[in-house]
């Protein structure tokens, strides 16, 4: 590795390069539960796309694997270093280059984090509305996984809010795609192709983001139901109502108990209701006008009552904030509780009851405990799988993914494939599609140096 370190030092300087024992443990993993940690041989911390281009030209000539890393908050094992390779950390590329209030766009480097960007946009009464739950996540990581989150029911996912990219190809060319325009029919849409590619096609260095007005008023409504089927059956009717919820989440009874218990959170629900309810629907409404918000909350309450909710609670602001924060941190709660794996299958939202019924059957047949919550508004089901036996767990995971695909869904709704879901993806996906993806990968990255082992 000495020659590699010397070459990278000539590009970056010694201070922006770590080798061997200089490398912190944080670089050895992301947040995926089953991933094998691996210390990188070399960590490069470039300051610009030009420096990344130099690194990639050198790596491509030597066919040296390269893994790009943002904040390391991913859940698919895509940001784990490859043996004998280079890890490119985007941590020093954290500039918010522009906030364009007239075009409702922001231009940011890939290392900018959500919690860095949001307060800057708040000064202009604007918001980047994609909040995948971990605010320390980088925009580059979000782009590479097409991150979603609870607000997707109203605003969509990352690909709906990225107007353009700067990216470096494996062969060292720097390209720009898209721009501050909201539509174009000029050749292939390279922006959308790179989004969600998990670092296998290019290293994203900059993103142009579409912004939305920041609405000043919000209310959170909690509705317990006697069955999960009641919750999921209510979701399409709520969307039909035209109220336009920002958040539309279901939480099962076990997850709700764990969330409120760990956060010492009292939502004001009577014990009798807690004892009877098997699932909860959480709805967040927002508006620029408080009187309109009040009207929407009242209308929502009437709908929920007619749809079979046991009761309807409008949560005080403090309790509402804590509940949403607890929901966003549900993964870390599952991790702390000893979950062995997680699932983020997405299915057509009307099929969630059928999917969950089959989940229950798989759990019963294999002696597995499966609990969860999910983005009911867009069919993205998040499950925590508690099964210590590796062979049984593999059977469970394969079964869950197969059921999701058979219902017209996909293995991952927002976490990505990475290395964690790769075997299931290759087993269950249409082989013709996989072969086409391989040919696209080869066109972008002829020597296969970019994040080898992720997806394929």
Protein backbone atom coordinates (compact mmCIF):
# COMPACT_ATOMS: atom_id res chain seq x y z
CA UNK A 1 0.00 0.00 0.00
CA UNK A 2 3.04 2.28 0.22
CA UNK A 3 2.99 3.31 -3.45
CA UNK A 4 -0.74 3.98 -3.25
CA UNK A 5 -0.35 6.17 -0.17
CA UNK A 6 2.51 8.07 -1.79
CA UNK A 7 0.49 8.75 -4.91
CA UNK A 8 -2.57 9.88 -2.96
CA UNK A 9 -0.41 12.07 -0.73
CA UNK A 10 0.88 13.85 -3.81
CA UNK A 11 -2.72 14.66 -4.75
CA UNK A 12 -4.17 15.47 -1.32
CA UNK A 13 -1.29 16.18 1.02
CA UNK A 14 -0.51 14.03 4.05
CA UNK A 15 -3.00 15.80 6.31
CA UNK A 16 -5.95 14.71 4.13
CA UNK A 17 -4.90 11.08 3.97
CA UNK A 18 -5.10 8.36 6.61
CA UNK A 19 -3.34 5.01 6.41
CA UNK A 20 -3.28 1.96 8.68
CA UNK A 21 -3.55 2.76 12.38
CA UNK A 22 -4.35 6.41 11.59
CA UNK A 23 -7.82 5.33 10.40
CA UNK A 24 -10.67 5.67 12.90
CA UNK A 25 -13.04 2.73 13.48
CA UNK A 26 -15.98 4.81 12.17
CA UNK A 27 -14.71 4.30 8.63
CA UNK A 28 -15.01 0.52 8.93
CA UNK A 29 -18.79 0.24 8.65
CA UNK A 30 -22.13 1.86 8.03
CA UNK A 31 -25.25 1.14 10.15
CA UNK A 32 -26.31 -2.11 8.46
CA UNK A 33 -26.93 -4.75 11.12
CA UNK A 34 -25.37 -7.76 9.44
CA UNK A 35 -22.47 -6.16 7.61
CA UNK A 36 -18.92 -7.41 8.27
CA UNK A 37 -16.82 -4.47 9.42
CA UNK A 38 -13.65 -3.89 7.45
CA UNK A 39 -11.01 -1.25 8.09
CA UNK A 40 -10.04 0.64 4.92
CA UNK A 41 -6.44 0.44 3.79
CA UNK A 42 -6.46 4.13 2.87
CA UNK A 43 -8.95 6.95 3.55
CA UNK A 44 -8.72 9.95 1.22
CA UNK A 45 -10.48 13.21 2.15
CA UNK A 46 -10.54 15.34 -1.01
CA UNK A 47 -11.67 18.96 -1.15
CA UNK A 48 -12.90 19.14 -4.75
CA UNK A 49 -14.16 17.23 -7.75
CA UNK A 50 -10.79 17.86 -9.41
CA UNK A 51 -8.97 16.00 -6.63
CA UNK A 52 -11.46 13.12 -6.87
CA UNK A 53 -10.89 13.02 -10.63
CA UNK A 54 -7.15 12.63 -10.08
CA UNK A 55 -7.72 9.85 -7.56
CA UNK A 56 -10.06 7.99 -9.89
CA UNK A 57 -7.76 8.29 -12.89
CA UNK A 58 -4.98 6.71 -10.84
CA UNK A 59 -7.28 4.04 -9.40
CA UNK A 60 -8.72 3.17 -12.81
CA UNK A 61 -5.27 2.67 -14.33
CA UNK A 62 -4.34 0.31 -11.50
CA UNK A 63 -7.82 -1.26 -11.27
CA UNK A 64 -7.93 -0.30 -7.59
CA UNK A 65 -11.41 -0.51 -5.98
CA UNK A 66 -12.89 2.76 -4.72
CA UNK A 67 -15.69 3.21 -2.19
CA UNK A 68 -17.23 6.64 -1.62
CA UNK A 69 -18.52 7.45 1.86
CA UNK A 70 -20.73 10.22 3.18
CA UNK A 71 -21.76 10.19 6.84
CA UNK A 72 -21.83 6.41 7.15
CA UNK A 73 -25.49 6.32 8.16
CA UNK A 74 -26.58 3.92 5.39
CA UNK A 75 -28.37 0.65 6.17
CA UNK A 76 -27.25 -1.58 3.30
CA UNK A 77 -23.51 -2.10 3.70
CA UNK A 78 -22.76 -0.06 0.57
CA UNK A 79 -20.18 2.19 2.27
CA UNK A 80 -17.90 -0.56 3.58
CA UNK A 81 -14.34 -0.49 2.25
CA UNK A 82 -13.00 -3.11 -0.17
CA UNK A 83 -9.74 -4.86 0.59
CA UNK A 84 -6.76 -3.24 -1.15
CA UNK A 85 -8.85 -0.23 -2.13
CA UNK A 86 -9.36 3.45 -1.51
CA UNK A 87 -12.13 4.94 0.59
CA UNK A 88 -13.04 8.45 -0.54
CA UNK A 89 -14.68 10.32 2.32
CA UNK A 90 -16.70 13.37 1.29
CA UNK A 91 -16.54 14.88 4.80
CA UNK A 92 -14.48 17.91 3.71
CA UNK A 93 -16.80 18.80 0.83
CA UNK A 94 -19.46 20.45 2.99
CA UNK A 95 -20.11 23.79 1.31
CA UNK A 96 -23.61 25.11 0.67
CA UNK A 97 -22.69 26.80 -2.59
CA UNK A 98 -25.94 28.62 -3.31
CA UNK A 99 -29.49 29.13 -2.12
CA UNK A 100 -31.47 30.52 -5.04
CA UNK A 101 -34.75 31.87 -3.66
CA UNK A 102 -36.14 32.84 -7.06
CA UNK A 103 -35.65 29.41 -8.62
CA UNK A 104 -36.35 27.59 -5.35
CA UNK A 105 -33.09 25.66 -5.62
CA UNK A 106 -30.00 24.98 -3.53
CA UNK A 107 -26.60 23.88 -4.79
CA UNK A 108 -24.65 21.84 -2.24
CA UNK A 109 -21.53 19.73 -2.10
CA UNK A 110 -22.05 16.03 -1.47
CA UNK A 111 -20.79 16.13 2.11
CA UNK A 112 -23.40 18.65 3.27
CA UNK A 113 -25.68 17.06 5.87
CA UNK A 114 -29.41 17.50 6.32
CA UNK A 115 -28.97 19.08 9.75
CA UNK A 116 -26.49 21.53 8.23
CA UNK A 117 -28.73 22.49 5.32
CA UNK A 118 -32.09 22.79 7.09
CA UNK A 119 -31.38 25.83 9.34
CA UNK A 120 -29.85 27.69 6.41
CA UNK A 121 -33.00 27.12 4.34
CA UNK A 122 -35.19 28.12 7.29
CA UNK A 123 -33.71 31.63 7.10
CA UNK A 124 -35.37 31.90 3.68
CA UNK A 125 -38.64 30.15 4.67
CA UNK A 126 -37.71 27.26 2.40
CA UNK A 127 -37.24 23.54 3.04
CA UNK A 128 -35.65 20.56 1.35
CA UNK A 129 -38.53 18.23 2.20
CA UNK A 130 -36.81 14.83 2.06
CA UNK A 131 -36.21 13.76 5.67
CA UNK A 132 -35.17 10.10 5.82
CA UNK A 133 -34.98 10.11 9.62
CA UNK A 134 -31.25 10.54 10.19
CA UNK A 135 -30.44 14.23 9.97
CA UNK A 136 -26.68 13.64 10.13
CA UNK A 137 -26.94 11.88 6.75
CA UNK A 138 -25.14 13.54 3.86
CA UNK A 139 -26.87 14.70 0.69
CA UNK A 140 -24.44 12.62 -1.36
CA UNK A 141 -25.47 9.51 0.53
CA UNK A 142 -29.13 10.40 0.14
CA UNK A 143 -28.66 10.80 -3.61
CA UNK A 144 -26.85 7.49 -3.92
CA UNK A 145 -29.59 5.56 -2.11
CA UNK A 146 -32.56 7.62 -3.35
CA UNK A 147 -33.47 8.18 0.30
CA UNK A 148 -37.12 8.56 1.26
CA UNK A 149 -38.63 8.98 4.69
CA UNK A 150 -41.92 9.81 6.32
CA UNK A 151 -42.66 12.85 4.16
CA UNK A 152 -42.58 10.85 0.93
CA UNK A 153 -46.38 10.50 0.92
CA UNK A 154 -46.62 14.23 0.19
CA UNK A 155 -43.29 15.24 -1.29
CA UNK A 156 -41.86 12.08 -2.82
CA UNK A 157 -38.31 10.79 -2.42
CA UNK A 158 -34.85 12.12 -3.26
CA UNK A 159 -35.14 11.64 -7.01
CA UNK A 160 -38.15 13.98 -7.06
CA UNK A 161 -36.05 16.78 -5.57
CA UNK A 162 -32.70 16.53 -7.33
CA UNK A 163 -32.55 18.73 -10.40
CA UNK A 164 -28.93 18.14 -11.35
CA UNK A 165 -25.62 16.65 -10.31
CA UNK A 166 -21.90 17.07 -10.61
CA UNK A 167 -20.24 13.66 -10.65
CA UNK A 168 -16.86 12.13 -11.42
CA UNK A 169 -16.71 9.05 -13.64
CA UNK A 170 -14.41 6.13 -12.93
CA UNK A 171 -12.16 7.24 -15.78
CA UNK A 172 -11.73 10.69 -14.25
CA UNK A 173 -14.07 12.83 -16.35
CA UNK A 174 -16.22 15.35 -14.48
CA UNK A 175 -19.78 15.62 -15.77
CA UNK A 176 -22.70 17.91 -14.97
CA UNK A 177 -26.27 16.74 -15.44
CA UNK A 178 -29.50 18.72 -15.28
CA UNK A 179 -29.57 22.13 -13.62
CA UNK A 180 -32.03 24.65 -12.20
CA UNK A 181 -34.74 23.48 -14.55
CA UNK A 182 -37.73 21.35 -13.67
CA UNK A 183 -38.17 19.61 -17.01
CA UNK A 184 -36.11 18.57 -20.03
CA UNK A 185 -36.42 16.13 -22.90
CA UNK A 186 -32.85 16.32 -24.15
CA UNK A 187 -31.30 12.89 -24.35
CA UNK A 188 -30.96 10.34 -21.56
CA UNK A 189 -31.70 11.53 -18.04
CA UNK A 190 -28.31 10.88 -16.46
CA UNK A 191 -29.33 12.60 -13.24
CA UNK A 192 -32.01 10.04 -12.57
CA UNK A 193 -29.75 7.16 -13.64
CA UNK A 194 -27.08 8.12 -11.10
CA UNK A 195 -29.59 8.68 -8.28
CA UNK A 196 -29.96 5.41 -6.39
CA UNK A 197 -26.92 3.80 -8.04
CA UNK A 198 -25.15 3.39 -4.67
CA UNK A 199 -21.79 4.72 -5.84
CA UNK A 200 -21.44 2.09 -8.58
CA UNK A 201 -21.69 4.46 -11.56
CA UNK A 202 -19.93 7.67 -10.45
CA UNK A 203 -18.82 9.62 -7.40
CA UNK A 204 -21.40 12.34 -6.78
CA UNK A 205 -19.71 15.58 -5.70
CA UNK A 206 -22.49 18.18 -5.92
CA UNK A 207 -26.28 18.29 -6.13
CA UNK A 208 -28.78 20.90 -7.23
CA UNK A 209 -31.86 20.47 -5.05
CA UNK A 210 -35.45 21.53 -5.60
CA UNK A 211 -36.85 23.38 -2.58
CA UNK A 212 -40.37 23.93 -1.27
CA UNK A 213 -41.96 26.71 0.79
CA UNK A 214 -41.64 26.04 4.51
CA UNK A 215 -45.17 25.88 5.93
CA UNK A 216 -45.36 27.43 9.38
CA UNK A 217 -48.16 25.44 10.97
CA UNK A 218 -48.48 21.70 11.63
CA UNK A 219 -50.60 19.33 13.68
CA UNK A 220 -50.12 15.65 14.56
CA UNK A 221 -53.11 13.33 14.85
CA UNK A 222 -52.88 9.87 16.43
CA UNK A 223 -55.58 7.27 15.82
CA UNK A 224 -55.58 3.80 17.45
CA UNK A 225 -57.22 0.92 15.56
CA UNK A 226 -58.26 -2.52 16.70
CA UNK A 227 -56.44 -4.15 13.77
CA UNK A 228 -53.58 -3.33 11.41
CA UNK A 229 -55.97 -4.07 8.55
CA UNK A 230 -58.15 -1.23 9.79
CA UNK A 231 -55.19 1.15 9.62
CA UNK A 232 -54.10 0.15 6.15
CA UNK A 233 -57.67 0.17 4.81
CA UNK A 234 -58.06 3.74 6.05
CA UNK A 235 -54.97 5.04 4.25
CA UNK A 236 -56.34 5.22 0.67
CA UNK A 237 -59.49 6.94 1.91
CA UNK A 238 -57.46 9.58 3.76
CA UNK A 239 -55.51 10.28 0.59
CA UNK A 240 -58.79 10.40 -1.38
CA UNK A 241 -60.03 13.12 0.98
CA UNK A 242 -57.68 15.72 -0.49
CA UNK A 243 -56.33 16.74 2.91
CA UNK A 244 -52.78 16.06 1.71
CA UNK A 245 -50.98 14.74 4.81
CA UNK A 246 -47.26 15.40 5.17
CA UNK A 247 -46.83 12.18 7.15
CA UNK A 248 -49.00 9.05 7.10
CA UNK A 249 -47.42 6.30 9.21
CA UNK A 250 -48.56 3.07 10.79
CA UNK A 251 -46.98 1.73 13.98
CA UNK A 252 -47.74 -1.70 15.37
CA UNK A 253 -48.48 -2.24 19.05
CA UNK A 254 -45.07 -3.70 19.94
CA UNK A 255 -43.16 -0.90 18.25
CA UNK A 256 -45.37 1.77 19.79
CA UNK A 257 -44.85 0.32 23.26
CA UNK A 258 -41.09 0.21 22.75
CA UNK A 259 -40.98 3.76 21.35
CA UNK A 260 -43.03 5.35 24.10
CA UNK A 261 -41.28 3.32 26.79
CA UNK A 262 -37.75 4.17 25.69
CA UNK A 263 -38.62 7.86 25.32
CA UNK A 264 -40.71 7.92 28.52
CA UNK A 265 -43.44 9.42 26.36
CA UNK A 266 -47.03 9.81 27.57
CA UNK A 267 -49.39 10.40 24.67
CA UNK A 268 -52.49 10.67 26.83
CA UNK A 269 -54.04 7.42 25.60
CA UNK A 270 -56.25 5.66 28.18
CA UNK A 271 -55.01 2.28 29.36
CA UNK A 272 -58.16 0.56 28.11
CA UNK A 273 -57.40 1.79 24.59
CA UNK A 274 -53.78 0.71 24.86
CA UNK A 275 -54.93 -2.76 25.91
CA UNK A 276 -57.25 -3.07 22.92
CA UNK A 277 -55.49 -1.30 20.05
CA UNK A 278 -53.25 -3.42 17.83
CA UNK A 279 -51.99 -0.63 15.56
CA UNK A 280 -51.80 3.15 15.33
CA UNK A 281 -52.03 5.61 12.49
CA UNK A 282 -49.98 8.80 12.78
CA UNK A 283 -50.99 11.68 10.50
CA UNK A 284 -49.20 15.02 10.29
CA UNK A 285 -50.93 17.88 8.52
CA UNK A 286 -49.35 21.20 7.61
CA UNK A 287 -50.53 24.52 6.26
CA UNK A 288 -49.45 28.11 5.76
CA UNK A 289 -52.62 29.26 7.56
CA UNK A 290 -53.64 28.20 11.09
CA UNK A 291 -57.39 28.41 10.42
CA UNK A 292 -57.07 26.17 7.38
CA UNK A 293 -55.03 23.71 9.43
CA UNK A 294 -57.74 23.61 12.11
CA UNK A 295 -60.34 22.89 9.45
CA UNK A 296 -58.23 20.10 7.96
CA UNK A 297 -57.67 18.53 11.39
CA UNK A 298 -61.40 18.53 12.06
CA UNK A 299 -62.10 16.99 8.67
CA UNK A 300 -59.43 14.34 9.25
CA UNK A 301 -60.91 13.48 12.63
CA UNK A 302 -64.32 12.93 11.08
CA UNK A 303 -62.82 10.71 8.37
CA UNK A 304 -60.89 8.61 10.88
CA UNK A 305 -63.97 8.08 13.04
CA UNK A 306 -65.96 6.94 10.02
CA UNK A 307 -63.08 4.66 8.98
CA UNK A 308 -63.14 2.73 12.24
CA UNK A 309 -60.60 4.47 14.46
CA UNK A 310 -61.17 3.71 18.15
CA UNK A 311 -60.55 7.36 18.97
CA UNK A 312 -58.74 10.40 17.57
CA UNK A 313 -56.12 12.39 19.48
CA UNK A 314 -54.63 15.72 18.43
CA UNK A 315 -51.28 15.64 20.18
CA UNK A 316 -49.83 18.66 21.99
CA UNK A 317 -46.81 20.08 20.11
CA UNK A 318 -44.26 18.68 22.55
CA UNK A 319 -45.68 15.16 22.52
CA UNK A 320 -46.07 15.31 18.74
CA UNK A 321 -42.42 16.27 18.28
CA UNK A 322 -41.23 13.50 20.58
CA UNK A 323 -43.41 10.90 18.85
CA UNK A 324 -42.11 11.82 15.39
CA UNK A 325 -38.54 11.82 16.68
CA UNK A 326 -39.09 8.40 18.25
CA UNK A 327 -40.52 7.08 14.99
CA UNK A 328 -37.54 8.45 13.07
CA UNK A 329 -35.20 6.65 15.47
CA UNK A 330 -37.11 3.35 15.35
CA UNK A 331 -34.18 1.63 13.65
CA UNK A 332 -31.83 2.46 16.49
CA UNK A 333 -34.42 1.23 18.98
CA UNK A 334 -34.65 -2.06 17.09
CA UNK A 335 -30.86 -2.28 17.00
CA UNK A 336 -30.62 -1.68 20.75
CA UNK A 337 -33.32 -4.32 21.31
CA UNK A 338 -31.24 -6.95 19.53
CA UNK A 339 -32.82 -7.07 16.07
CA UNK A 340 -30.85 -9.33 13.74
CA UNK A 341 -31.96 -7.74 10.49
CA UNK A 342 -34.25 -5.09 9.05
CA UNK A 343 -36.52 -4.97 6.03
CA UNK A 344 -37.67 -1.97 3.98
CA UNK A 345 -39.85 -3.70 1.39
CA UNK A 346 -42.17 -1.46 -0.61
CA UNK A 347 -45.49 -2.72 -2.01
CA UNK A 348 -48.52 -1.02 -3.54
CA UNK A 349 -50.13 0.55 -0.48
CA UNK A 350 -53.46 -1.20 -1.02
CA UNK A 351 -51.67 -4.55 -0.65
CA UNK A 352 -50.15 -3.81 2.77
CA UNK A 353 -52.84 -5.88 4.61
CA UNK A 354 -52.12 -8.90 2.40
CA UNK A 355 -48.36 -8.41 2.79
CA UNK A 356 -48.61 -8.17 6.57
CA UNK A 357 -50.82 -11.27 6.75
CA UNK A 358 -48.11 -13.20 4.92
CA UNK A 359 -45.46 -11.68 7.18
CA UNK A 360 -47.38 -13.06 10.17
CA UNK A 361 -47.50 -16.50 8.54
CA UNK A 362 -43.75 -16.47 7.86
CA UNK A 363 -43.08 -15.41 11.46
CA UNK A 364 -45.27 -18.18 12.85
CA UNK A 365 -43.86 -20.86 10.55
CA UNK A 366 -40.24 -20.03 11.41
CA UNK A 367 -40.52 -19.09 15.07
CA UNK A 368 -39.38 -15.55 14.30
CA UNK A 369 -40.43 -12.34 16.01
CA UNK A 370 -41.15 -9.62 13.44
CA UNK A 371 -42.29 -6.15 14.49
CA UNK A 372 -42.41 -2.83 12.75
CA UNK A 373 -43.89 0.32 11.39
CA UNK A 374 -43.88 1.97 8.03
CA UNK A 375 -44.78 4.68 5.60
CA UNK A 376 -48.36 3.57 5.08
CA UNK A 377 -49.00 6.36 2.61
CA UNK A 378 -46.50 5.01 0.09
CA UNK A 379 -46.45 1.30 0.93
CA UNK A 380 -42.95 1.25 2.42
CA UNK A 381 -42.98 -1.36 5.20
CA UNK A 382 -40.18 -1.32 7.79
CA UNK A 383 -39.77 -4.52 9.77
CA UNK A 384 -37.33 -5.59 12.47
CA UNK A 385 -36.52 -9.29 12.31
CA UNK A 386 -35.49 -11.07 15.51
CA UNK A 387 -34.09 -14.46 14.51
CA UNK A 388 -30.63 -15.44 15.75
CA UNK A 389 -30.29 -18.60 13.63
CA UNK A 390 -28.52 -17.51 10.43
CA UNK A 391 -30.00 -20.19 8.20
CA UNK A 392 -33.54 -19.62 9.45
CA UNK A 393 -33.12 -15.86 9.16
CA UNK A 394 -32.01 -16.21 5.54
CA UNK A 395 -35.16 -18.25 4.86
CA UNK A 396 -37.27 -15.57 6.56
CA UNK A 397 -35.66 -12.70 4.66
CA UNK A 398 -35.95 -14.45 1.32
CA UNK A 399 -39.61 -15.20 2.05
CA UNK A 400 -40.38 -11.60 2.98
CA UNK A 401 -38.70 -10.25 -0.15
CA UNK A 402 -40.40 -12.80 -2.39
CA UNK A 403 -43.82 -11.93 -0.99
CA UNK A 404 -43.14 -8.24 -1.59
CA UNK A 405 -42.08 -8.81 -5.20
CA UNK A 406 -45.03 -11.12 -5.87
CA UNK A 407 -47.37 -8.33 -4.73
CA UNK A 408 -45.85 -5.94 -7.27
CA UNK A 409 -43.30 -4.38 -4.93
CA UNK A 410 -39.53 -4.19 -4.58
CA UNK A 411 -36.92 -5.47 -2.16
CA UNK A 412 -35.89 -2.01 -0.98
CA UNK A 413 -38.00 1.11 -0.76
CA UNK A 414 -35.28 3.47 0.44
CA UNK A 415 -32.25 1.82 2.09
CA UNK A 416 -30.77 0.39 -1.11
CA UNK A 417 -29.32 -3.00 -2.00
CA UNK A 418 -25.66 -2.52 -1.09
CA UNK A 419 -23.96 -5.74 -0.02
CA UNK A 420 -26.61 -6.72 2.55
CA UNK A 421 -29.47 -7.42 0.13
CA UNK A 422 -27.35 -8.31 -2.88
CA UNK A 423 -27.91 -12.09 -2.76
CA UNK A 424 -31.70 -11.66 -2.45
CA UNK A 425 -31.74 -9.07 -5.23
CA UNK A 426 -29.82 -11.31 -7.62
CA UNK A 427 -31.95 -14.32 -6.68
CA UNK A 428 -35.34 -12.67 -7.04
CA UNK A 429 -34.95 -9.89 -9.62
CA UNK A 430 -35.62 -10.39 -13.33
CA UNK A 431 -32.27 -11.64 -14.76
CA UNK A 432 -32.78 -9.65 -17.96
CA UNK A 433 -33.01 -6.46 -15.95
CA UNK A 434 -29.94 -7.38 -13.91
CA UNK A 435 -27.95 -8.05 -17.09
CA UNK A 436 -28.99 -4.65 -18.51
CA UNK A 437 -27.88 -3.00 -15.26
CA UNK A 438 -24.53 -4.77 -15.56
CA UNK A 439 -24.08 -3.38 -19.09
CA UNK A 440 -24.91 0.13 -17.86
CA UNK A 441 -22.38 -0.32 -15.05
CA UNK A 442 -19.74 -1.39 -17.58
CA UNK A 443 -20.39 1.68 -19.74
CA UNK A 444 -19.85 4.02 -16.79
CA UNK A 445 -17.10 2.02 -15.11
CA UNK A 446 -15.32 -0.27 -17.60
CA UNK A 447 -12.80 -1.64 -15.07
CA UNK A 448 -15.39 -2.11 -12.32
CA UNK A 449 -13.54 -0.06 -9.70
CA UNK A 450 -16.52 1.86 -8.26
CA UNK A 451 -17.99 0.20 -5.17
CA UNK A 452 -17.47 -3.36 -6.42
CA UNK A 453 -19.70 -5.83 -4.60
CA UNK A 454 -22.55 -3.38 -4.09
CA UNK A 455 -25.72 -4.42 -5.96
CA UNK A 456 -23.83 -6.97 -8.11
